[in-house]
Amino acid sequence: MTGEPHRKYDNATIAALMTLARGGCYAPRCGAPTVRIIDGKPVLNLDIAHIRALKAGGKRYAGALDLSHGCLAVG
């Protein structure tokens, strides 16, 4: 992850998201583990993403998005 995260999450929220992820990346053909062991300690290997619809009427539409700061838009 680059820079400071935009949001902070409590441990319960992170645990819930890790459970939903079932231990692997959701990107097609990825499968990278969500936790890696580095120097004998577990380290989170993920970024938490907020999915939004680009078009009005989409299930997760939340108004116009500013894509200028590196958001991924999948069409």
N, C-alpha and C. Protein backbone atom coordinates (compact mmCIF):
# COMPACT_ATOMS: atom_id res chain seq x y z
N MET A 1 0.84 -1.16 0.00
CA MET A 1 0.00 0.00 0.00
C MET A 1 0.89 1.23 0.00
N THR A 2 0.51 2.24 -0.75
CA THR A 2 1.32 3.44 -0.82
C THR A 2 0.70 4.56 0.00
N GLY A 3 1.52 5.25 0.76
CA GLY A 3 1.04 6.37 1.53
C GLY A 3 0.14 5.98 2.69
N GLU A 4 -0.50 6.97 3.24
CA GLU A 4 -1.38 6.79 4.39
C GLU A 4 -2.77 6.36 3.89
N PRO A 5 -3.39 5.36 4.53
CA PRO A 5 -4.72 4.93 4.10
C PRO A 5 -5.75 6.05 4.32
N HIS A 6 -6.79 6.08 3.48
CA HIS A 6 -7.83 7.10 3.60
C HIS A 6 -8.73 6.85 4.80
N ARG A 7 -8.88 5.58 5.18
CA ARG A 7 -9.76 5.22 6.29
C ARG A 7 -9.03 4.28 7.23
N LYS A 8 -9.45 4.30 8.49
CA LYS A 8 -8.91 3.37 9.48
C LYS A 8 -10.01 2.35 9.82
N TYR A 9 -9.64 1.09 9.98
CA TYR A 9 -10.59 0.03 10.27
C TYR A 9 -10.24 -0.64 11.59
N ASP A 10 -11.26 -0.97 12.38
CA ASP A 10 -10.99 -1.67 13.63
C ASP A 10 -10.70 -3.14 13.33
N ASN A 11 -10.17 -3.84 14.33
CA ASN A 11 -9.77 -5.24 14.14
C ASN A 11 -10.93 -6.14 13.76
N ALA A 12 -12.12 -5.87 14.31
CA ALA A 12 -13.28 -6.70 13.99
C ALA A 12 -13.67 -6.57 12.52
N THR A 13 -13.59 -5.36 11.98
CA THR A 13 -13.92 -5.15 10.57
C THR A 13 -12.90 -5.86 9.68
N ILE A 14 -11.64 -5.75 10.01
CA ILE A 14 -10.60 -6.42 9.22
C ILE A 14 -10.78 -7.93 9.30
N ALA A 15 -11.09 -8.46 10.47
CA ALA A 15 -11.31 -9.90 10.62
C ALA A 15 -12.50 -10.35 9.78
N ALA A 16 -13.57 -9.57 9.78
CA ALA A 16 -14.75 -9.92 8.98
C ALA A 16 -14.41 -9.93 7.49
N LEU A 17 -13.68 -8.94 7.03
CA LEU A 17 -13.30 -8.89 5.61
C LEU A 17 -12.37 -10.04 5.24
N MET A 18 -11.46 -10.40 6.15
CA MET A 18 -10.56 -11.53 5.89
C MET A 18 -11.35 -12.83 5.79
N THR A 19 -12.38 -12.98 6.62
CA THR A 19 -13.22 -14.17 6.57
C THR A 19 -13.97 -14.24 5.25
N LEU A 20 -14.53 -13.12 4.82
CA LEU A 20 -15.24 -13.09 3.54
C LEU A 20 -14.32 -13.38 2.36
N ALA A 21 -13.06 -12.96 2.46
CA ALA A 21 -12.11 -13.18 1.36
C ALA A 21 -11.67 -14.64 1.26
N ARG A 22 -11.91 -15.43 2.32
CA ARG A 22 -11.54 -16.85 2.33
C ARG A 22 -10.05 -17.08 2.05
N GLY A 23 -9.23 -16.13 2.46
CA GLY A 23 -7.78 -16.32 2.41
C GLY A 23 -7.11 -16.01 1.09
N GLY A 24 -7.85 -15.50 0.10
CA GLY A 24 -7.23 -15.23 -1.19
C GLY A 24 -7.78 -13.99 -1.86
N CYS A 25 -7.02 -13.48 -2.79
CA CYS A 25 -7.39 -12.31 -3.58
C CYS A 25 -8.62 -12.62 -4.44
N TYR A 26 -9.49 -11.64 -4.60
CA TYR A 26 -10.70 -11.81 -5.40
C TYR A 26 -10.48 -11.49 -6.88
N ALA A 27 -9.36 -10.89 -7.23
CA ALA A 27 -9.12 -10.54 -8.65
C ALA A 27 -9.07 -11.81 -9.50
N PRO A 28 -9.66 -11.75 -10.68
CA PRO A 28 -9.63 -12.93 -11.56
C PRO A 28 -8.20 -13.42 -11.81
N ARG A 29 -8.01 -14.72 -11.70
CA ARG A 29 -6.74 -15.39 -11.95
C ARG A 29 -5.60 -14.93 -11.03
N CYS A 30 -5.91 -14.36 -9.88
CA CYS A 30 -4.85 -13.90 -8.98
C CYS A 30 -4.54 -14.98 -7.94
N GLY A 31 -5.40 -15.11 -6.93
CA GLY A 31 -5.21 -16.12 -5.91
C GLY A 31 -4.13 -15.84 -4.89
N ALA A 32 -3.55 -14.63 -4.88
CA ALA A 32 -2.52 -14.30 -3.89
C ALA A 32 -3.12 -14.41 -2.49
N PRO A 33 -2.35 -14.91 -1.53
CA PRO A 33 -2.88 -15.03 -0.17
C PRO A 33 -3.09 -13.67 0.48
N THR A 34 -4.09 -13.56 1.35
CA THR A 34 -4.36 -12.30 2.05
C THR A 34 -3.43 -12.10 3.24
N VAL A 35 -2.76 -13.17 3.67
CA VAL A 35 -1.79 -13.08 4.76
C VAL A 35 -0.51 -13.79 4.32
N ARG A 36 0.61 -13.17 4.56
CA ARG A 36 1.92 -13.79 4.31
C ARG A 36 2.70 -13.82 5.61
N ILE A 37 3.55 -14.80 5.76
CA ILE A 37 4.42 -14.89 6.94
C ILE A 37 5.76 -14.28 6.56
N ILE A 38 6.14 -13.23 7.25
CA ILE A 38 7.41 -12.54 7.00
C ILE A 38 8.18 -12.49 8.32
N ASP A 39 9.38 -13.02 8.30
CA ASP A 39 10.21 -13.10 9.52
C ASP A 39 9.45 -13.75 10.67
N GLY A 40 8.68 -14.77 10.34
CA GLY A 40 7.96 -15.53 11.35
C GLY A 40 6.69 -14.89 11.88
N LYS A 41 6.27 -13.75 11.30
CA LYS A 41 5.08 -13.05 11.77
C LYS A 41 4.08 -12.88 10.63
N PRO A 42 2.77 -13.01 10.93
CA PRO A 42 1.76 -12.80 9.89
C PRO A 42 1.65 -11.32 9.52
N VAL A 43 1.60 -11.05 8.22
CA VAL A 43 1.49 -9.69 7.71
C VAL A 43 0.34 -9.66 6.70
N LEU A 44 -0.57 -8.68 6.84
CA LEU A 44 -1.66 -8.56 5.88
C LEU A 44 -1.10 -8.21 4.50
N ASN A 45 -1.58 -8.90 3.50
CA ASN A 45 -1.13 -8.72 2.12
C ASN A 45 -2.33 -8.27 1.28
N LEU A 46 -2.90 -7.11 1.66
CA LEU A 46 -4.11 -6.67 0.98
C LEU A 46 -4.32 -5.18 1.13
N ASP A 47 -5.18 -4.65 0.30
CA ASP A 47 -5.72 -3.31 0.43
C ASP A 47 -7.23 -3.46 0.45
N ILE A 48 -7.89 -2.68 1.26
CA ILE A 48 -9.35 -2.71 1.32
C ILE A 48 -9.87 -1.72 0.29
N ALA A 49 -10.73 -2.19 -0.59
CA ALA A 49 -11.28 -1.35 -1.66
C ALA A 49 -12.75 -1.07 -1.43
N HIS A 50 -13.17 0.10 -1.80
CA HIS A 50 -14.58 0.47 -1.75
C HIS A 50 -15.10 0.47 -3.18
N ILE A 51 -15.98 -0.44 -3.47
CA ILE A 51 -16.48 -0.62 -4.83
C ILE A 51 -17.67 0.30 -5.04
N ARG A 52 -17.63 1.07 -6.12
CA ARG A 52 -18.70 1.99 -6.48
C ARG A 52 -19.05 1.81 -7.96
N ALA A 53 -20.31 2.02 -8.29
CA ALA A 53 -20.74 2.00 -9.68
C ALA A 53 -20.38 3.33 -10.34
N LEU A 54 -19.97 3.28 -11.59
CA LEU A 54 -19.64 4.51 -12.32
C LEU A 54 -20.89 5.18 -12.89
N LYS A 55 -21.94 4.41 -13.12
CA LYS A 55 -23.13 4.94 -13.78
C LYS A 55 -24.29 5.06 -12.79
N ALA A 56 -25.06 6.14 -12.95
CA ALA A 56 -26.26 6.33 -12.13
C ALA A 56 -27.18 5.13 -12.33
N GLY A 57 -27.79 4.69 -11.25
CA GLY A 57 -28.66 3.53 -11.32
C GLY A 57 -27.96 2.24 -10.95
N GLY A 58 -26.62 2.25 -10.91
CA GLY A 58 -25.87 1.08 -10.48
C GLY A 58 -26.09 0.82 -9.00
N LYS A 59 -25.99 -0.44 -8.58
CA LYS A 59 -26.28 -0.80 -7.19
C LYS A 59 -25.42 -0.05 -6.17
N ARG A 60 -24.22 0.31 -6.55
CA ARG A 60 -23.32 0.99 -5.61
C ARG A 60 -22.97 2.40 -6.08
N TYR A 61 -23.86 3.01 -6.81
CA TYR A 61 -23.62 4.37 -7.30
C TYR A 61 -23.67 5.36 -6.15
N ALA A 62 -22.70 6.25 -6.09
CA ALA A 62 -22.63 7.22 -5.00
C ALA A 62 -22.28 8.60 -5.53
N GLY A 63 -22.81 8.97 -6.67
CA GLY A 63 -22.49 10.26 -7.26
C GLY A 63 -21.24 10.19 -8.11
N ALA A 64 -20.87 11.32 -8.67
CA ALA A 64 -19.70 11.38 -9.55
C ALA A 64 -18.43 11.01 -8.79
N LEU A 65 -17.59 10.22 -9.44
CA LEU A 65 -16.33 9.81 -8.83
C LEU A 65 -15.18 10.62 -9.42
N ASP A 66 -14.22 10.96 -8.57
CA ASP A 66 -13.00 11.62 -9.03
C ASP A 66 -11.95 10.54 -9.23
N LEU A 67 -11.68 10.20 -10.49
CA LEU A 67 -10.74 9.14 -10.81
C LEU A 67 -9.31 9.66 -10.98
N SER A 68 -9.09 10.93 -10.70
CA SER A 68 -7.78 11.53 -10.96
C SER A 68 -6.70 11.09 -9.95
N HIS A 69 -7.08 10.49 -8.81
CA HIS A 69 -6.07 10.15 -7.80
C HIS A 69 -5.80 8.64 -7.73
N GLY A 70 -5.97 7.95 -8.84
CA GLY A 70 -5.51 6.57 -8.90
C GLY A 70 -6.56 5.52 -8.65
N CYS A 71 -7.83 5.85 -8.66
CA CYS A 71 -8.86 4.84 -8.49
C CYS A 71 -8.90 3.96 -9.74
N LEU A 72 -9.19 2.70 -9.54
CA LEU A 72 -9.32 1.77 -10.65
C LEU A 72 -10.77 1.76 -11.11
N ALA A 73 -10.96 2.02 -12.37
CA ALA A 73 -12.30 1.95 -12.95
C ALA A 73 -12.37 0.76 -13.88
N VAL A 74 -13.25 -0.16 -13.58
CA VAL A 74 -13.43 -1.33 -14.41
C VAL A 74 -14.77 -1.18 -15.09
N GLY A 75 -14.76 -1.16 -16.42
CA GLY A 75 -15.97 -0.84 -17.15
C GLY A 75 -16.76 -1.98 -17.56
